[in-house]
Amino acid sequence: MSDRDRKPRFQRGGGKGADKGRPFGRRPGGRDRESSPDGPVILYGWHTVAAALANPQRRIRKLLLTENAARRLADDKIELRVTPEIVRPGLIDARLGPDAVHQGLLAEAEPLDSPDIADLPQQGIVLVLDQITDPHNVGAILRSAAAFAVKAVVTTARHSPEATGVLAKSASGALELVPMVTVPNLARALNELNDQGFMTVGLDSEGSADLGAMTLVQPLALVLGAEGKGLRQLTRETCSAVARLDMPGEIKSLNVSNAAVLALYIGSVRLGLMGR
């Protein structure tokens, strides 16, 4: 199935005691997951903007399109929801910079709400990111998370990139598909997951167990460390297990986004989630 054929999923099952099919919403005092309340989220590129337009929970403030992009959206019967500004490509280049591959689409949008960690479903896989700062890596992880039907991605309010711009483009529409839970303290969040019955497994090349040989149970939280530094000590200590990804070659560590997709594949196979 191509990226253009994917349909966004906007609701997830709730946590304990939640109504089935209830969408994640922000609790009183909750935090926008993507940006400061004063600034819009910047979305550009075909998959990113098309997915945002298809998401009824995403409020679009402003939409800039080239004539070709507007024609393509019309051909694909994608509802614009706001009156667009038809502009020349150079105007979008000036807004984003010469290196941004925008394909003639730029949207300013409201951030999506950050669900509460207590509302996470009690099945499937959740990803937890321990201060991963590269927006390209986080975007690639989100795209893999969408491919493996991950229930949510948990990240910290600080030392993590905002879900806008480069991250959104790298995610290729996955921001509209995978809920992001923003927490102030990762160790506290992991303790909450442990209390909710999650099996929390930190990934580290020096882990004592091989993830592919472990007995994994749902709900499962896979915890990924920052580029270069890996998992912080307190994060390691809070996980219920620390595992490695066994590989036959001389290099035993992977880029974090590659490690994420491999861990998701192993976890999905071990939990019997593939093919559902």
C-alpha atoms as a PDB file:
ATOM      1  CA  MET A   1       0.000   0.000   0.000  1.00  0.00           C
ATOM      2  CA  SER A   2       1.466   3.368  -0.987  1.00  0.00           C
ATOM      3  CA  ASP A   3       1.739   6.395   1.291  1.00  0.00           C
ATOM      4  CA  ARG A   4      -0.927   8.112  -0.781  1.00  0.00           C
ATOM      5  CA  ASP A   5      -3.404   5.291  -0.099  1.00  0.00           C
ATOM      6  CA  ARG A   6      -3.047   5.400   3.682  1.00  0.00           C
ATOM      7  CA  LYS A   7      -6.035   6.587   5.658  1.00  0.00           C
ATOM      8  CA  PRO A   8      -5.365   8.430   8.910  1.00  0.00           C
ATOM      9  CA  ARG A   9      -6.629   6.849  12.094  1.00  0.00           C
ATOM     10  CA  PHE A  10      -7.790   9.421  14.551  1.00  0.00           C
ATOM     11  CA  GLN A  11      -8.987   7.371  17.541  1.00  0.00           C
ATOM     12  CA  ARG A  12      -7.305   4.890  19.801  1.00  0.00           C
ATOM     13  CA  GLY A  13      -8.641   2.700  22.545  1.00  0.00           C
ATOM     14  CA  GLY A  14      -8.498   4.234  26.020  1.00  0.00           C
ATOM     15  CA  GLY A  15      -6.720   3.021  29.109  1.00  0.00           C
ATOM     16  CA  LYS A  16      -8.198   1.330  32.123  1.00  0.00           C
ATOM     17  CA  GLY A  17     -11.793   2.303  32.605  1.00  0.00           C
ATOM     18  CA  ALA A  18     -11.909   4.345  29.411  1.00  0.00           C
ATOM     19  CA  ASP A  19     -14.688   4.077  26.858  1.00  0.00           C
ATOM     20  CA  LYS A  20     -13.712   1.960  23.887  1.00  0.00           C
ATOM     21  CA  GLY A  21     -12.896   4.017  20.822  1.00  0.00           C
ATOM     22  CA  ARG A  22     -12.726   7.283  22.771  1.00  0.00           C
ATOM     23  CA  PRO A  23     -10.203   9.627  21.133  1.00  0.00           C
ATOM     24  CA  PHE A  24      -7.289  10.831  23.181  1.00  0.00           C
ATOM     25  CA  GLY A  25      -7.982  14.311  24.456  1.00  0.00           C
ATOM     26  CA  ARG A  26      -6.106  16.789  26.560  1.00  0.00           C
ATOM     27  CA  ARG A  27      -6.908  16.599  30.238  1.00  0.00           C
ATOM     28  CA  PRO A  28      -7.355  19.805  32.239  1.00  0.00           C
ATOM     29  CA  GLY A  29      -3.957  21.468  32.394  1.00  0.00           C
ATOM     30  CA  GLY A  30      -2.675  19.310  29.525  1.00  0.00           C
ATOM     31  CA  ARG A  31      -0.033  20.511  27.097  1.00  0.00           C
ATOM     32  CA  ASP A  32      -0.049  20.985  23.358  1.00  0.00           C
ATOM     33  CA  ARG A  33       2.217  18.279  22.065  1.00  0.00           C
ATOM     34  CA  GLU A  34       3.942  20.124  19.278  1.00  0.00           C
ATOM     35  CA  SER A  35       4.670  23.752  19.863  1.00  0.00           C
ATOM     36  CA  SER A  36       4.286  26.683  22.173  1.00  0.00           C
ATOM     37  CA  PRO A  37       0.691  27.984  22.389  1.00  0.00           C
ATOM     38  CA  ASP A  38       1.774  31.249  20.743  1.00  0.00           C
ATOM     39  CA  GLY A  39       3.176  29.800  17.538  1.00  0.00           C
ATOM     40  CA  PRO A  40       1.677  27.699  14.773  1.00  0.00           C
ATOM     41  CA  VAL A  41       2.942  24.314  13.660  1.00  0.00           C
ATOM     42  CA  ILE A  42       4.610  24.559  10.243  1.00  0.00           C
ATOM     43  CA  LEU A  43       3.769  21.656   7.933  1.00  0.00           C
ATOM     44  CA  TYR A  44       5.125  21.279   4.413  1.00  0.00           C
ATOM     45  CA  GLY A  45       5.438  18.610   1.762  1.00  0.00           C
ATOM     46  CA  TRP A  46       2.807  16.478   0.087  1.00  0.00           C
ATOM     47  CA  HIS A  47       2.272  13.636   2.570  1.00  0.00           C
ATOM     48  CA  THR A  48       2.575  15.904   5.600  1.00  0.00           C
ATOM     49  CA  VAL A  49       0.055  18.511   4.470  1.00  0.00           C
ATOM     50  CA  ALA A  50      -2.350  16.058   2.811  1.00  0.00           C
ATOM     51  CA  ALA A  51      -2.514  13.994   6.018  1.00  0.00           C
ATOM     52  CA  ALA A  52      -3.124  17.133   8.086  1.00  0.00           C
ATOM     53  CA  LEU A  53      -5.949  18.210   5.773  1.00  0.00           C
ATOM     54  CA  ALA A  54      -7.490  14.733   6.115  1.00  0.00           C
ATOM     55  CA  ASN A  55      -7.355  14.866   9.926  1.00  0.00           C
ATOM     56  CA  PRO A  56     -10.506  16.474  11.394  1.00  0.00           C
ATOM     57  CA  GLN A  57      -8.672  17.023  14.686  1.00  0.00           C
ATOM     58  CA  ARG A  58      -6.080  19.228  12.996  1.00  0.00           C
ATOM     59  CA  ARG A  59      -7.104  22.893  12.765  1.00  0.00           C
ATOM     60  CA  ILE A  60      -5.526  24.578   9.754  1.00  0.00           C
ATOM     61  CA  ARG A  61      -4.854  28.304  10.145  1.00  0.00           C
ATOM     62  CA  LYS A  62      -3.371  29.084   6.741  1.00  0.00           C
ATOM     63  CA  LEU A  63      -2.634  27.162   3.563  1.00  0.00           C
ATOM     64  CA  LEU A  64      -0.194  28.165   0.824  1.00  0.00           C
ATOM     65  CA  LEU A  65      -0.319  26.177  -2.417  1.00  0.00           C
ATOM     66  CA  THR A  66       1.232  26.406  -5.829  1.00  0.00           C
ATOM     67  CA  GLU A  67      -1.108  25.945  -8.788  1.00  0.00           C
ATOM     68  CA  ASN A  68       0.241  22.437  -9.414  1.00  0.00           C
ATOM     69  CA  ALA A  69      -0.220  21.418  -5.771  1.00  0.00           C
ATOM     70  CA  ALA A  70      -3.767  22.786  -5.711  1.00  0.00           C
ATOM     71  CA  ARG A  71      -4.581  20.833  -8.870  1.00  0.00           C
ATOM     72  CA  ARG A  72      -3.141  17.627  -7.402  1.00  0.00           C
ATOM     73  CA  LEU A  73      -5.148  18.022  -4.180  1.00  0.00           C
ATOM     74  CA  ALA A  74      -8.283  18.538  -6.255  1.00  0.00           C
ATOM     75  CA  ASP A  75      -7.505  15.463  -8.369  1.00  0.00           C
ATOM     76  CA  ASP A  76      -7.107  13.408  -5.199  1.00  0.00           C
ATOM     77  CA  LYS A  77     -10.362  14.880  -3.825  1.00  0.00           C
ATOM     78  CA  ILE A  78      -8.674  16.126  -0.655  1.00  0.00           C
ATOM     79  CA  GLU A  79     -10.821  18.723   1.093  1.00  0.00           C
ATOM     80  CA  LEU A  80      -8.892  21.930   1.768  1.00  0.00           C
ATOM     81  CA  ARG A  81     -11.071  23.091   4.729  1.00  0.00           C
ATOM     82  CA  VAL A  82      -9.639  26.616   4.428  1.00  0.00           C
ATOM     83  CA  THR A  83      -9.389  28.987   1.492  1.00  0.00           C
ATOM     84  CA  PRO A  84      -5.814  28.605   0.210  1.00  0.00           C
ATOM     85  CA  GLU A  85      -3.441  31.264  -1.041  1.00  0.00           C
ATOM     86  CA  ILE A  86      -2.198  30.322  -4.513  1.00  0.00           C
ATOM     87  CA  VAL A  87       1.435  31.367  -4.658  1.00  0.00           C
ATOM     88  CA  ARG A  88       4.578  30.859  -6.684  1.00  0.00           C
ATOM     89  CA  PRO A  89       7.068  28.237  -5.420  1.00  0.00           C
ATOM     90  CA  GLY A  90       9.592  30.974  -4.646  1.00  0.00           C
ATOM     91  CA  LEU A  91       7.386  32.443  -1.948  1.00  0.00           C
ATOM     92  CA  ILE A  92       7.334  29.111  -0.100  1.00  0.00           C
ATOM     93  CA  ASP A  93      11.089  28.798  -0.661  1.00  0.00           C
ATOM     94  CA  ALA A  94      11.512  32.187   0.998  1.00  0.00           C
ATOM     95  CA  ARG A  95       9.467  31.065   4.002  1.00  0.00           C
ATOM     96  CA  LEU A  96      11.202  27.728   4.520  1.00  0.00           C
ATOM     97  CA  GLY A  97      14.666  28.149   3.049  1.00  0.00           C
ATOM     98  CA  PRO A  98      16.157  26.714  -0.139  1.00  0.00           C
ATOM     99  CA  ASP A  99      16.771  23.210   1.238  1.00  0.00           C
ATOM    100  CA  ALA A 100      13.158  22.442   2.204  1.00  0.00           C
ATOM    101  CA  VAL A 101      11.453  20.021  -0.196  1.00  0.00           C
ATOM    102  CA  HIS A 102       7.931  21.449   0.075  1.00  0.00           C
ATOM    103  CA  GLN A 103       6.400  20.192  -3.210  1.00  0.00           C
ATOM    104  CA  GLY A 104       4.312  23.350  -3.380  1.00  0.00           C
ATOM    105  CA  LEU A 105       2.453  22.962  -0.067  1.00  0.00           C
ATOM    106  CA  LEU A 106       2.849  24.826   3.223  1.00  0.00           C
ATOM    107  CA  ALA A 107       0.335  24.913   6.068  1.00  0.00           C
ATOM    108  CA  GLU A 108       0.247  26.768   9.363  1.00  0.00           C
ATOM    109  CA  ALA A 109      -1.782  24.736  11.847  1.00  0.00           C
ATOM    110  CA  GLU A 110      -2.744  24.458  15.496  1.00  0.00           C
ATOM    111  CA  PRO A 111      -0.838  21.882  17.552  1.00  0.00           C
ATOM    112  CA  LEU A 112      -2.593  18.609  18.286  1.00  0.00           C
ATOM    113  CA  ASP A 113      -3.356  17.850  21.921  1.00  0.00           C
ATOM    114  CA  SER A 114      -1.025  15.693  23.974  1.00  0.00           C
ATOM    115  CA  PRO A 115      -2.925  12.747  25.502  1.00  0.00           C
ATOM    116  CA  ASP A 116      -2.378  11.831  29.118  1.00  0.00           C
ATOM    117  CA  ILE A 117      -0.110   8.880  29.845  1.00  0.00           C
ATOM    118  CA  ALA A 118      -2.863   7.333  31.992  1.00  0.00           C
ATOM    119  CA  ASP A 119      -5.046   7.038  28.872  1.00  0.00           C
ATOM    120  CA  LEU A 120      -2.698   4.759  26.931  1.00  0.00           C
ATOM    121  CA  PRO A 121      -4.249   1.522  25.634  1.00  0.00           C
ATOM    122  CA  GLN A 122      -3.455  -1.638  27.543  1.00  0.00           C
ATOM    123  CA  GLN A 123      -2.383  -3.547  24.445  1.00  0.00           C
ATOM    124  CA  GLY A 124       0.153  -3.284  21.654  1.00  0.00           C
ATOM    125  CA  ILE A 125       3.402  -1.306  21.664  1.00  0.00           C
ATOM    126  CA  VAL A 126       4.356   2.168  22.862  1.00  0.00           C
ATOM    127  CA  LEU A 127       7.657   3.864  22.050  1.00  0.00           C
ATOM    128  CA  VAL A 128       9.456   5.991  24.648  1.00  0.00           C
ATOM    129  CA  LEU A 129      12.178   8.435  23.500  1.00  0.00           C
ATOM    130  CA  ASP A 130      14.858   9.414  26.006  1.00  0.00           C
ATOM    131  CA  GLN A 131      16.040  12.876  24.909  1.00  0.00           C
ATOM    132  CA  ILE A 132      16.376  12.113  21.195  1.00  0.00           C
ATOM    133  CA  THR A 133      17.032  15.566  19.761  1.00  0.00           C
ATOM    134  CA  ASP A 134      17.536  15.127  16.003  1.00  0.00           C
ATOM    135  CA  PRO A 135      14.243  16.016  14.257  1.00  0.00           C
ATOM    136  CA  HIS A 136      15.096  13.803  11.269  1.00  0.00           C
ATOM    137  CA  ASN A 137      15.493  10.796  13.563  1.00  0.00           C
ATOM    138  CA  VAL A 138      12.322  11.523  15.531  1.00  0.00           C
ATOM    139  CA  GLY A 139      10.390  12.005  12.295  1.00  0.00           C
ATOM    140  CA  ALA A 140      11.703   8.707  10.909  1.00  0.00           C
ATOM    141  CA  ILE A 141      10.799   6.967  14.184  1.00  0.00           C
ATOM    142  CA  LEU A 142       7.255   8.354  13.963  1.00  0.00           C
ATOM    143  CA  ARG A 143       6.928   7.089  10.393  1.00  0.00           C
ATOM    144  CA  SER A 144       8.020   3.600  11.502  1.00  0.00           C
ATOM    145  CA  ALA A 145       5.662   3.849  14.480  1.00  0.00           C
ATOM    146  CA  ALA A 146       2.755   4.515  12.115  1.00  0.00           C
ATOM    147  CA  ALA A 147       3.770   1.546   9.949  1.00  0.00           C
ATOM    148  CA  PHE A 148       3.722  -0.775  12.985  1.00  0.00           C
ATOM    149  CA  ALA A 149       0.487   0.656  14.462  1.00  0.00           C
ATOM    150  CA  VAL A 150       2.270   1.901  17.590  1.00  0.00           C
ATOM    151  CA  LYS A 151      -0.273   3.176  20.111  1.00  0.00           C
ATOM    152  CA  ALA A 152       1.698   6.280  21.115  1.00  0.00           C
ATOM    153  CA  VAL A 153       5.148   7.847  21.266  1.00  0.00           C
ATOM    154  CA  VAL A 154       6.188   9.228  24.657  1.00  0.00           C
ATOM    155  CA  THR A 155       8.729  12.043  24.686  1.00  0.00           C
ATOM    156  CA  THR A 156       9.956  14.720  27.063  1.00  0.00           C
ATOM    157  CA  ALA A 157       8.870  18.344  27.048  1.00  0.00           C
ATOM    158  CA  ARG A 158      12.543  19.393  27.121  1.00  0.00           C
ATOM    159  CA  HIS A 159      15.501  18.013  25.149  1.00  0.00           C
ATOM    160  CA  SER A 160      13.261  16.875  22.286  1.00  0.00           C
ATOM    161  CA  PRO A 161      12.400  18.612  19.002  1.00  0.00           C
ATOM    162  CA  GLU A 162       9.032  20.262  18.453  1.00  0.00           C
ATOM    163  CA  ALA A 163       6.705  18.414  16.102  1.00  0.00           C
ATOM    164  CA  THR A 164       6.919  20.999  13.354  1.00  0.00           C
ATOM    165  CA  GLY A 165       9.028  21.794  10.296  1.00  0.00           C
ATOM    166  CA  VAL A 166      11.753  19.235   9.581  1.00  0.00           C
ATOM    167  CA  LEU A 167      10.368  16.673  12.053  1.00  0.00           C
ATOM    168  CA  ALA A 168       6.899  16.860  10.502  1.00  0.00           C
ATOM    169  CA  LYS A 169       8.327  16.512   6.988  1.00  0.00           C
ATOM    170  CA  SER A 170      10.467  13.522   8.016  1.00  0.00           C
ATOM    171  CA  ALA A 171       7.409  11.902   9.624  1.00  0.00           C
ATOM    172  CA  SER A 172       5.637  12.045   6.236  1.00  0.00           C
ATOM    173  CA  GLY A 173       2.127  12.339   7.686  1.00  0.00           C
ATOM    174  CA  ALA A 174       2.699  10.161  10.758  1.00  0.00           C
ATOM    175  CA  LEU A 175       2.033  13.094  13.117  1.00  0.00           C
ATOM    176  CA  GLU A 176      -1.640  12.670  12.243  1.00  0.00           C
ATOM    177  CA  LEU A 177      -1.537   8.912  12.838  1.00  0.00           C
ATOM    178  CA  VAL A 178       0.437   8.349  16.048  1.00  0.00           C
ATOM    179  CA  PRO A 179      -0.483  10.143  19.295  1.00  0.00           C
ATOM    180  CA  MET A 180       2.442  11.828  21.035  1.00  0.00           C
ATOM    181  CA  VAL A 181       2.513  11.981  24.822  1.00  0.00           C
ATOM    182  CA  THR A 182       4.652  14.810  26.185  1.00  0.00           C
ATOM    183  CA  VAL A 183       5.867  14.337  29.762  1.00  0.00           C
ATOM    184  CA  PRO A 184       7.926  16.591  32.050  1.00  0.00           C
ATOM    185  CA  ASN A 185       9.893  13.743  33.643  1.00  0.00           C
ATOM    186  CA  LEU A 186      10.705  10.522  31.799  1.00  0.00           C
ATOM    187  CA  ALA A 187      11.592   8.398  34.830  1.00  0.00           C
ATOM    188  CA  ARG A 188       8.285   9.310  36.452  1.00  0.00           C
ATOM    189  CA  ALA A 189       6.471   8.469  33.227  1.00  0.00           C
ATOM    190  CA  LEU A 190       8.202   5.084  33.052  1.00  0.00           C
ATOM    191  CA  ASN A 191       7.175   4.383  36.642  1.00  0.00           C
ATOM    192  CA  GLU A 192       3.588   5.191  35.664  1.00  0.00           C
ATOM    193  CA  LEU A 193       3.835   2.776  32.745  1.00  0.00           C
ATOM    194  CA  ASN A 194       5.255   0.104  35.054  1.00  0.00           C
ATOM    195  CA  ASP A 195       2.367   0.685  37.463  1.00  0.00           C
ATOM    196  CA  GLN A 196      -0.120   0.354  34.585  1.00  0.00           C
ATOM    197  CA  GLY A 197       1.239  -3.095  33.734  1.00  0.00           C
ATOM    198  CA  PHE A 198       3.512  -2.180  30.824  1.00  0.00           C
ATOM    199  CA  MET A 199       6.624  -4.222  30.223  1.00  0.00           C
ATOM    200  CA  THR A 200       9.218  -1.447  29.815  1.00  0.00           C
ATOM    201  CA  VAL A 201      12.276  -2.557  27.855  1.00  0.00           C
ATOM    202  CA  GLY A 202      15.219  -0.216  27.351  1.00  0.00           C
ATOM    203  CA  LEU A 203      17.330  -0.800  24.243  1.00  0.00           C
ATOM    204  CA  ASP A 204      21.092  -0.699  24.678  1.00  0.00           C
ATOM    205  CA  SER A 205      23.924  -2.384  22.778  1.00  0.00           C
ATOM    206  CA  GLU A 206      25.274  -3.541  26.157  1.00  0.00           C
ATOM    207  CA  GLY A 207      21.945  -4.951  27.325  1.00  0.00           C
ATOM    208  CA  SER A 208      22.095  -8.257  29.189  1.00  0.00           C
ATOM    209  CA  ALA A 209      19.348  -9.928  27.117  1.00  0.00           C
ATOM    210  CA  ASP A 210      18.712 -10.342  23.387  1.00  0.00           C
ATOM    211  CA  LEU A 211      15.403  -8.673  22.513  1.00  0.00           C
ATOM    212  CA  GLY A 212      14.701 -11.352  19.897  1.00  0.00           C
ATOM    213  CA  ALA A 213      15.001 -14.133  22.495  1.00  0.00           C
ATOM    214  CA  MET A 214      13.038 -12.458  25.294  1.00  0.00           C
ATOM    215  CA  THR A 215       9.507 -13.337  26.314  1.00  0.00           C
ATOM    216  CA  LEU A 216       7.629 -10.117  25.589  1.00  0.00           C
ATOM    217  CA  VAL A 217       4.142  -9.287  26.839  1.00  0.00           C
ATOM    218  CA  GLN A 218       1.537  -6.634  26.094  1.00  0.00           C
ATOM    219  CA  PRO A 219       1.358  -3.785  26.726  1.00  0.00           C
ATOM    220  CA  LEU A 220       4.988  -3.266  25.752  1.00  0.00           C
ATOM    221  CA  ALA A 221       6.981  -0.033  25.965  1.00  0.00           C
ATOM    222  CA  LEU A 222      10.256   0.043  24.004  1.00  0.00           C
ATOM    223  CA  VAL A 223      12.603   2.757  25.288  1.00  0.00           C
ATOM    224  CA  LEU A 224      15.158   4.315  22.919  1.00  0.00           C
ATOM    225  CA  GLY A 225      18.134   6.397  24.027  1.00  0.00           C
ATOM    226  CA  ALA A 226      19.597   9.568  22.591  1.00  0.00           C
ATOM    227  CA  GLU A 227      22.020   9.628  19.695  1.00  0.00           C
ATOM    228  CA  GLY A 228      25.522   8.889  20.957  1.00  0.00           C
ATOM    229  CA  LYS A 229      24.671   8.946  24.678  1.00  0.00           C
ATOM    230  CA  GLY A 230      22.132   6.130  24.704  1.00  0.00           C
ATOM    231  CA  LEU A 231      19.835   5.623  27.677  1.00  0.00           C
ATOM    232  CA  ARG A 232      20.438   7.779  30.724  1.00  0.00           C
ATOM    233  CA  GLN A 233      21.307   5.910  33.909  1.00  0.00           C
ATOM    234  CA  LEU A 234      18.019   6.689  35.664  1.00  0.00           C
ATOM    235  CA  THR A 235      16.104   5.597  32.562  1.00  0.00           C
ATOM    236  CA  ARG A 236      17.956   2.261  32.531  1.00  0.00           C
ATOM    237  CA  GLU A 237      17.249   1.732  36.217  1.00  0.00           C
ATOM    238  CA  THR A 238      13.542   2.492  35.777  1.00  0.00           C
ATOM    239  CA  CYS A 239      12.998   0.059  32.883  1.00  0.00           C
ATOM    240  CA  SER A 240      11.865  -3.426  33.839  1.00  0.00           C
ATOM    241  CA  ALA A 241      14.518  -4.873  31.481  1.00  0.00           C
ATOM    242  CA  VAL A 242      17.394  -3.680  29.279  1.00  0.00           C
ATOM    243  CA  ALA A 243      17.937  -5.552  26.018  1.00  0.00           C
ATOM    244  CA  ARG A 244      20.256  -5.477  23.042  1.00  0.00           C
ATOM    245  CA  LEU A 245      19.621  -6.047  19.354  1.00  0.00           C
ATOM    246  CA  ASP A 246      21.836  -8.985  18.403  1.00  0.00           C
ATOM    247  CA  MET A 247      23.355  -8.626  14.923  1.00  0.00           C
ATOM    248  CA  PRO A 248      25.862 -10.883  13.145  1.00  0.00           C
ATOM    249  CA  GLY A 249      28.127  -8.153  11.790  1.00  0.00           C
ATOM    250  CA  GLU A 250      31.081  -6.341  13.319  1.00  0.00           C
ATOM    251  CA  ILE A 251      29.060  -3.177  14.066  1.00  0.00           C
ATOM    252  CA  LYS A 252      26.728  -3.816  16.984  1.00  0.00           C
ATOM    253  CA  SER A 253      24.945  -0.469  17.223  1.00  0.00           C
ATOM    254  CA  LEU A 254      22.548   1.233  14.820  1.00  0.00           C
ATOM    255  CA  ASN A 255      21.284   4.734  14.187  1.00  0.00           C
ATOM    256  CA  VAL A 256      18.392   5.235  16.608  1.00  0.00           C
ATOM    257  CA  SER A 257      15.737   5.378  13.867  1.00  0.00           C
ATOM    258  CA  ASN A 258      17.038   2.107  12.385  1.00  0.00           C
ATOM    259  CA  ALA A 259      17.152   0.536  15.849  1.00  0.00           C
ATOM    260  CA  ALA A 260      13.547   1.617  16.363  1.00  0.00           C
ATOM    261  CA  VAL A 261      12.227  -0.104  13.237  1.00  0.00           C
ATOM    262  CA  LEU A 262      14.168  -3.303  13.988  1.00  0.00           C
ATOM    263  CA  ALA A 263      12.928  -3.361  17.595  1.00  0.00           C
ATOM    264  CA  LEU A 264       9.367  -2.724  16.424  1.00  0.00           C
ATOM    265  CA  TYR A 265       9.591  -5.601  13.972  1.00  0.00           C
ATOM    266  CA  ILE A 266      10.956  -7.973  16.615  1.00  0.00           C
ATOM    267  CA  GLY A 267       8.386  -6.830  19.169  1.00  0.00           C
ATOM    268  CA  SER A 268       5.503  -7.142  16.706  1.00  0.00           C
ATOM    269  CA  VAL A 269       6.562 -10.657  15.692  1.00  0.00           C
ATOM    270  CA  ARG A 270       7.094 -11.820  19.272  1.00  0.00           C
ATOM    271  CA  LEU A 271       3.717 -10.427  20.336  1.00  0.00           C
ATOM    272  CA  GLY A 272       1.883 -11.868  17.329  1.00  0.00           C
ATOM    273  CA  LEU A 273       0.862  -8.442  16.048  1.00  0.00           C
ATOM    274  CA  MET A 274       1.992  -8.888  12.442  1.00  0.00           C
ATOM    275  CA  GLY A 275      -0.719  -9.364   9.846  1.00  0.00           C
ATOM    276  CA  ARG A 276      -3.537  -8.008  11.992  1.00  0.00           C
END
